[in-house]
Amino acid sequence: VKMESLVLAEDGTTLKGSVVVKNLAYDKRVAARFTMDWWQTTSEVVAKYAESVSAPPPHASSIDTTHDRFVFQVKLADVLSKIEEKTMFVAVRYNSAGREMWDNNAGANYEVKFER
């Protein structure tokens, strides 16, 4: 599991993210967990399947391994009035084949700073 992108939408009211996961099994659950108060409270949004992508595994460029891309959105409307100078931390969770895997940016979490 790997966060591929996390960007502010053009309208400035939504964060859009994409996650790439290895196709371990047909059944997959991907979600983004986030906080704006240093993990005192958390929220989570479910990512939706977008498409299959192929990526060569390390050191074996002739064989493709199938991966899937999932996308998610975090609506900022509820916090826009007080978002200035806030920091959001994000981690992504992937459940498949009886396993739970996380991408938390090597323990640092993905960090989004909001400024005007």
N, C-alpha and C. Protein backbone atom coordinates (compact mmCIF):
# COMPACT_ATOMS: atom_id res chain seq x y z
N VAL A 1 0.86 -1.18 0.00
CA VAL A 1 0.00 0.00 0.00
C VAL A 1 0.90 1.23 0.00
N LYS A 2 0.54 2.20 -0.84
CA LYS A 2 1.35 3.41 -0.93
C LYS A 2 0.47 4.59 -1.35
N MET A 3 0.54 5.68 -0.58
CA MET A 3 -0.14 6.91 -0.97
C MET A 3 0.55 7.41 -2.24
N GLU A 4 -0.25 7.62 -3.27
CA GLU A 4 0.30 8.06 -4.55
C GLU A 4 0.26 9.58 -4.68
N SER A 5 -0.85 10.18 -4.25
CA SER A 5 -0.97 11.64 -4.34
C SER A 5 -1.97 12.13 -3.31
N LEU A 6 -1.80 13.39 -2.91
CA LEU A 6 -2.72 14.07 -2.01
C LEU A 6 -2.65 15.54 -2.36
N VAL A 7 -3.74 16.06 -2.97
CA VAL A 7 -3.74 17.43 -3.47
C VAL A 7 -5.03 18.14 -3.08
N LEU A 8 -4.95 19.45 -3.01
CA LEU A 8 -6.12 20.28 -2.77
C LEU A 8 -6.83 20.50 -4.10
N ALA A 9 -8.13 20.23 -4.13
CA ALA A 9 -8.91 20.43 -5.36
C ALA A 9 -8.93 21.91 -5.72
N GLU A 10 -9.20 22.19 -6.99
CA GLU A 10 -9.20 23.56 -7.48
C GLU A 10 -10.17 24.46 -6.72
N ASP A 11 -11.29 23.91 -6.25
CA ASP A 11 -12.26 24.74 -5.53
C ASP A 11 -11.82 25.07 -4.11
N GLY A 12 -10.73 24.44 -3.63
CA GLY A 12 -10.18 24.74 -2.32
C GLY A 12 -10.97 24.18 -1.15
N THR A 13 -11.94 23.31 -1.41
CA THR A 13 -12.77 22.80 -0.32
C THR A 13 -12.66 21.29 -0.13
N THR A 14 -11.81 20.63 -0.92
CA THR A 14 -11.70 19.18 -0.86
C THR A 14 -10.24 18.76 -1.08
N LEU A 15 -9.79 17.81 -0.26
CA LEU A 15 -8.51 17.16 -0.52
C LEU A 15 -8.80 15.89 -1.29
N LYS A 16 -8.05 15.66 -2.36
CA LYS A 16 -8.22 14.46 -3.17
C LYS A 16 -6.95 13.63 -3.07
N GLY A 17 -7.13 12.34 -2.83
CA GLY A 17 -5.99 11.47 -2.69
C GLY A 17 -6.13 10.22 -3.54
N SER A 18 -4.99 9.62 -3.87
CA SER A 18 -5.00 8.33 -4.55
C SER A 18 -3.99 7.42 -3.87
N VAL A 19 -4.34 6.13 -3.84
CA VAL A 19 -3.57 5.10 -3.16
C VAL A 19 -3.42 3.94 -4.13
N VAL A 20 -2.22 3.37 -4.19
CA VAL A 20 -1.99 2.18 -5.01
C VAL A 20 -1.74 1.00 -4.07
N VAL A 21 -2.45 -0.11 -4.33
CA VAL A 21 -2.31 -1.30 -3.50
C VAL A 21 -2.00 -2.51 -4.38
N LYS A 22 -1.28 -3.46 -3.84
CA LYS A 22 -1.01 -4.71 -4.53
C LYS A 22 -2.28 -5.54 -4.54
N ASN A 23 -2.55 -6.17 -5.66
CA ASN A 23 -3.76 -6.97 -5.82
C ASN A 23 -3.57 -8.33 -5.15
N LEU A 24 -3.78 -8.37 -3.83
CA LEU A 24 -3.61 -9.61 -3.07
C LEU A 24 -4.80 -10.54 -3.19
N ALA A 25 -5.99 -9.95 -3.31
CA ALA A 25 -7.23 -10.73 -3.40
C ALA A 25 -8.30 -9.83 -4.00
N TYR A 26 -9.40 -10.45 -4.42
CA TYR A 26 -10.48 -9.67 -5.01
C TYR A 26 -11.06 -8.68 -4.00
N ASP A 27 -11.28 -9.13 -2.78
CA ASP A 27 -11.88 -8.29 -1.74
C ASP A 27 -10.83 -7.37 -1.14
N LYS A 28 -11.04 -6.06 -1.26
CA LYS A 28 -10.11 -5.06 -0.75
C LYS A 28 -10.88 -3.95 -0.06
N ARG A 29 -10.32 -3.44 1.02
CA ARG A 29 -10.88 -2.26 1.68
C ARG A 29 -9.73 -1.28 1.89
N VAL A 30 -9.91 -0.07 1.39
CA VAL A 30 -8.89 0.97 1.51
C VAL A 30 -9.56 2.19 2.14
N ALA A 31 -8.89 2.81 3.09
CA ALA A 31 -9.43 3.99 3.75
C ALA A 31 -8.30 4.94 4.11
N ALA A 32 -8.64 6.20 4.23
CA ALA A 32 -7.70 7.22 4.70
C ALA A 32 -8.17 7.69 6.07
N ARG A 33 -7.29 7.60 7.05
CA ARG A 33 -7.59 8.07 8.40
C ARG A 33 -6.85 9.38 8.59
N PHE A 34 -7.55 10.37 9.18
CA PHE A 34 -6.92 11.68 9.32
C PHE A 34 -7.33 12.36 10.62
N THR A 35 -6.55 13.35 11.01
CA THR A 35 -6.81 14.12 12.22
C THR A 35 -6.35 15.56 11.99
N MET A 36 -6.98 16.46 12.70
CA MET A 36 -6.55 17.86 12.68
C MET A 36 -6.21 18.34 14.09
N ASP A 37 -6.16 17.40 15.05
CA ASP A 37 -5.84 17.76 16.43
C ASP A 37 -4.80 16.81 17.03
N TRP A 38 -3.82 16.44 16.22
CA TRP A 38 -2.69 15.64 16.67
C TRP A 38 -3.14 14.29 17.23
N TRP A 39 -4.09 13.65 16.56
CA TRP A 39 -4.59 12.30 16.83
C TRP A 39 -5.42 12.18 18.10
N GLN A 40 -5.90 13.32 18.65
CA GLN A 40 -6.83 13.23 19.78
C GLN A 40 -8.18 12.69 19.29
N THR A 41 -8.57 13.12 18.10
CA THR A 41 -9.77 12.58 17.45
C THR A 41 -9.39 12.24 16.01
N THR A 42 -10.06 11.26 15.44
CA THR A 42 -9.78 10.87 14.07
C THR A 42 -11.07 10.75 13.28
N SER A 43 -10.92 10.88 11.99
CA SER A 43 -12.00 10.61 11.05
C SER A 43 -11.43 9.70 9.98
N GLU A 44 -12.31 9.04 9.26
CA GLU A 44 -11.86 8.12 8.22
C GLU A 44 -12.81 8.20 7.04
N VAL A 45 -12.24 8.19 5.84
CA VAL A 45 -13.04 8.14 4.62
C VAL A 45 -12.64 6.90 3.84
N VAL A 46 -13.62 6.27 3.24
CA VAL A 46 -13.39 5.06 2.45
C VAL A 46 -12.92 5.48 1.06
N ALA A 47 -11.89 4.80 0.57
CA ALA A 47 -11.42 5.02 -0.79
C ALA A 47 -12.18 4.09 -1.73
N LYS A 48 -12.42 4.55 -2.95
CA LYS A 48 -13.16 3.77 -3.93
C LYS A 48 -12.22 3.31 -5.04
N TYR A 49 -12.49 2.13 -5.54
CA TYR A 49 -11.70 1.58 -6.64
C TYR A 49 -11.78 2.52 -7.85
N ALA A 50 -10.63 2.79 -8.47
CA ALA A 50 -10.60 3.64 -9.67
C ALA A 50 -10.20 2.85 -10.90
N GLU A 51 -9.09 2.05 -10.79
CA GLU A 51 -8.61 1.31 -11.95
C GLU A 51 -7.48 0.37 -11.55
N SER A 52 -7.21 -0.59 -12.42
CA SER A 52 -6.05 -1.47 -12.25
C SER A 52 -4.86 -0.82 -12.93
N VAL A 53 -3.70 -0.99 -12.34
CA VAL A 53 -2.46 -0.47 -12.92
C VAL A 53 -1.41 -1.56 -12.83
N SER A 54 -0.45 -1.55 -13.71
CA SER A 54 0.62 -2.53 -13.68
C SER A 54 1.92 -1.85 -13.31
N ALA A 55 2.69 -2.54 -12.49
CA ALA A 55 4.01 -2.03 -12.09
C ALA A 55 4.95 -3.21 -12.00
N PRO A 56 6.14 -3.09 -12.54
CA PRO A 56 7.08 -4.22 -12.44
C PRO A 56 7.55 -4.37 -11.00
N PRO A 57 7.67 -5.60 -10.52
CA PRO A 57 8.23 -5.80 -9.18
C PRO A 57 9.71 -5.45 -9.18
N PRO A 58 10.28 -5.16 -8.02
CA PRO A 58 11.71 -4.82 -7.96
C PRO A 58 12.58 -5.93 -8.55
N HIS A 59 13.53 -5.56 -9.34
CA HIS A 59 14.54 -6.48 -9.91
C HIS A 59 13.95 -7.53 -10.85
N ALA A 60 12.78 -7.30 -11.41
CA ALA A 60 12.20 -8.27 -12.35
C ALA A 60 11.37 -7.51 -13.38
N SER A 61 12.02 -6.72 -14.21
CA SER A 61 11.31 -5.81 -15.11
C SER A 61 10.50 -6.51 -16.19
N SER A 62 10.72 -7.80 -16.42
CA SER A 62 9.98 -8.48 -17.49
C SER A 62 8.63 -9.03 -17.03
N ILE A 63 8.38 -9.03 -15.72
CA ILE A 63 7.12 -9.58 -15.20
C ILE A 63 6.33 -8.45 -14.56
N ASP A 64 5.07 -8.32 -14.92
CA ASP A 64 4.22 -7.29 -14.32
C ASP A 64 3.44 -7.86 -13.15
N THR A 65 3.29 -7.06 -12.11
CA THR A 65 2.43 -7.38 -10.98
C THR A 65 1.27 -6.40 -11.01
N THR A 66 0.07 -6.90 -10.91
CA THR A 66 -1.09 -6.02 -10.99
C THR A 66 -1.33 -5.33 -9.65
N HIS A 67 -1.59 -4.06 -9.76
CA HIS A 67 -1.94 -3.23 -8.61
C HIS A 67 -3.27 -2.55 -8.93
N ASP A 68 -3.93 -2.06 -7.91
CA ASP A 68 -5.16 -1.31 -8.09
C ASP A 68 -5.00 0.07 -7.49
N ARG A 69 -5.62 1.04 -8.15
CA ARG A 69 -5.63 2.42 -7.65
C ARG A 69 -6.99 2.69 -7.03
N PHE A 70 -6.95 3.27 -5.84
CA PHE A 70 -8.15 3.70 -5.14
C PHE A 70 -8.06 5.21 -4.92
N VAL A 71 -9.20 5.88 -4.92
CA VAL A 71 -9.22 7.33 -4.72
C VAL A 71 -10.15 7.67 -3.56
N PHE A 72 -9.83 8.78 -2.89
CA PHE A 72 -10.66 9.24 -1.78
C PHE A 72 -10.72 10.76 -1.77
N GLN A 73 -11.71 11.28 -1.06
CA GLN A 73 -11.87 12.72 -0.91
C GLN A 73 -12.16 13.04 0.55
N VAL A 74 -11.53 14.11 1.03
CA VAL A 74 -11.80 14.63 2.36
C VAL A 74 -12.43 15.99 2.17
N LYS A 75 -13.70 16.12 2.53
CA LYS A 75 -14.41 17.39 2.43
C LYS A 75 -13.99 18.29 3.58
N LEU A 76 -13.60 19.51 3.28
CA LEU A 76 -13.11 20.44 4.29
C LEU A 76 -14.15 21.47 4.70
N ALA A 77 -15.37 21.40 4.17
CA ALA A 77 -16.39 22.42 4.39
C ALA A 77 -16.65 22.67 5.87
N ASP A 78 -16.69 21.62 6.67
CA ASP A 78 -17.00 21.77 8.10
C ASP A 78 -15.93 22.53 8.87
N VAL A 79 -14.71 22.54 8.37
CA VAL A 79 -13.61 23.18 9.11
C VAL A 79 -13.02 24.38 8.39
N LEU A 80 -13.59 24.77 7.24
CA LEU A 80 -12.99 25.86 6.46
C LEU A 80 -12.91 27.17 7.22
N SER A 81 -13.89 27.48 8.05
CA SER A 81 -13.89 28.76 8.75
C SER A 81 -12.74 28.86 9.76
N LYS A 82 -12.23 27.73 10.25
CA LYS A 82 -11.15 27.75 11.23
C LYS A 82 -9.94 26.93 10.79
N ILE A 83 -9.78 26.78 9.47
CA ILE A 83 -8.71 25.91 8.96
C ILE A 83 -7.35 26.60 8.87
N GLU A 84 -7.34 27.92 8.87
CA GLU A 84 -6.08 28.64 8.73
C GLU A 84 -5.10 28.23 9.83
N GLU A 85 -3.89 27.95 9.44
CA GLU A 85 -2.81 27.55 10.32
C GLU A 85 -3.03 26.19 10.97
N LYS A 86 -3.92 25.38 10.45
CA LYS A 86 -4.14 24.02 10.95
C LYS A 86 -3.21 23.05 10.22
N THR A 87 -2.97 21.91 10.85
CA THR A 87 -2.21 20.84 10.23
C THR A 87 -3.04 19.57 10.27
N MET A 88 -3.13 18.89 9.13
CA MET A 88 -3.82 17.61 9.05
C MET A 88 -2.77 16.52 8.86
N PHE A 89 -2.94 15.42 9.58
CA PHE A 89 -2.10 14.25 9.39
C PHE A 89 -2.96 13.14 8.81
N VAL A 90 -2.39 12.40 7.85
CA VAL A 90 -3.14 11.37 7.13
C VAL A 90 -2.29 10.10 7.07
N ALA A 91 -2.97 8.96 7.22
CA ALA A 91 -2.37 7.64 7.00
C ALA A 91 -3.40 6.82 6.24
N VAL A 92 -2.95 5.87 5.43
CA VAL A 92 -3.90 5.04 4.67
C VAL A 92 -3.81 3.58 5.12
N ARG A 93 -4.96 2.94 5.15
CA ARG A 93 -5.08 1.55 5.60
C ARG A 93 -5.62 0.70 4.47
N TYR A 94 -5.06 -0.50 4.34
CA TYR A 94 -5.45 -1.45 3.30
C TYR A 94 -5.71 -2.80 3.96
N ASN A 95 -6.93 -3.32 3.80
CA ASN A 95 -7.29 -4.65 4.29
C ASN A 95 -7.58 -5.54 3.10
N SER A 96 -6.90 -6.70 3.05
CA SER A 96 -7.13 -7.67 1.99
C SER A 96 -6.51 -9.00 2.40
N ALA A 97 -7.12 -10.09 1.99
CA ALA A 97 -6.60 -11.43 2.23
C ALA A 97 -6.30 -11.67 3.71
N GLY A 98 -7.15 -11.13 4.59
CA GLY A 98 -6.97 -11.33 6.03
C GLY A 98 -5.85 -10.54 6.65
N ARG A 99 -5.29 -9.59 5.92
CA ARG A 99 -4.18 -8.78 6.41
C ARG A 99 -4.58 -7.31 6.48
N GLU A 100 -3.97 -6.57 7.41
CA GLU A 100 -4.13 -5.13 7.48
C GLU A 100 -2.76 -4.49 7.32
N MET A 101 -2.65 -3.58 6.35
CA MET A 101 -1.40 -2.91 6.06
C MET A 101 -1.62 -1.40 6.08
N TRP A 102 -0.60 -0.66 6.48
CA TRP A 102 -0.70 0.80 6.59
C TRP A 102 0.43 1.47 5.81
N ASP A 103 0.13 2.64 5.26
CA ASP A 103 1.17 3.55 4.77
C ASP A 103 1.04 4.81 5.61
N ASN A 104 1.99 5.00 6.51
CA ASN A 104 1.99 6.19 7.36
C ASN A 104 3.26 7.01 7.15
N ASN A 105 3.77 6.94 5.91
CA ASN A 105 4.94 7.73 5.54
C ASN A 105 6.13 7.41 6.46
N ALA A 106 6.40 6.13 6.61
CA ALA A 106 7.52 5.64 7.43
C ALA A 106 7.43 6.15 8.87
N GLY A 107 6.21 6.21 9.41
CA GLY A 107 6.00 6.62 10.80
C GLY A 107 5.80 8.10 11.00
N ALA A 108 6.01 8.91 9.98
CA ALA A 108 5.88 10.36 10.11
C ALA A 108 4.47 10.85 9.75
N ASN A 109 3.64 9.99 9.18
CA ASN A 109 2.33 10.36 8.66
C ASN A 109 2.47 11.39 7.54
N TYR A 110 1.47 11.45 6.68
CA TYR A 110 1.44 12.48 5.64
C TYR A 110 0.89 13.74 6.27
N GLU A 111 1.55 14.85 6.02
CA GLU A 111 1.24 16.11 6.71
C GLU A 111 0.77 17.15 5.70
N VAL A 112 -0.37 17.78 6.02
CA VAL A 112 -0.92 18.84 5.18
C VAL A 112 -1.07 20.08 6.04
N LYS A 113 -0.38 21.15 5.67
CA LYS A 113 -0.49 22.42 6.41
C LYS A 113 -1.36 23.37 5.62
N PHE A 114 -2.34 23.95 6.31
CA PHE A 114 -3.26 24.88 5.66
C PHE A 114 -2.87 26.30 5.99
N GLU A 115 -2.69 27.12 4.97
CA GLU A 115 -2.34 28.53 5.12
C GLU A 115 -3.15 29.33 4.13
N ARG A 116 -3.41 30.56 4.46
CA ARG A 116 -4.11 31.45 3.53
C ARG A 116 -3.10 32.16 2.67
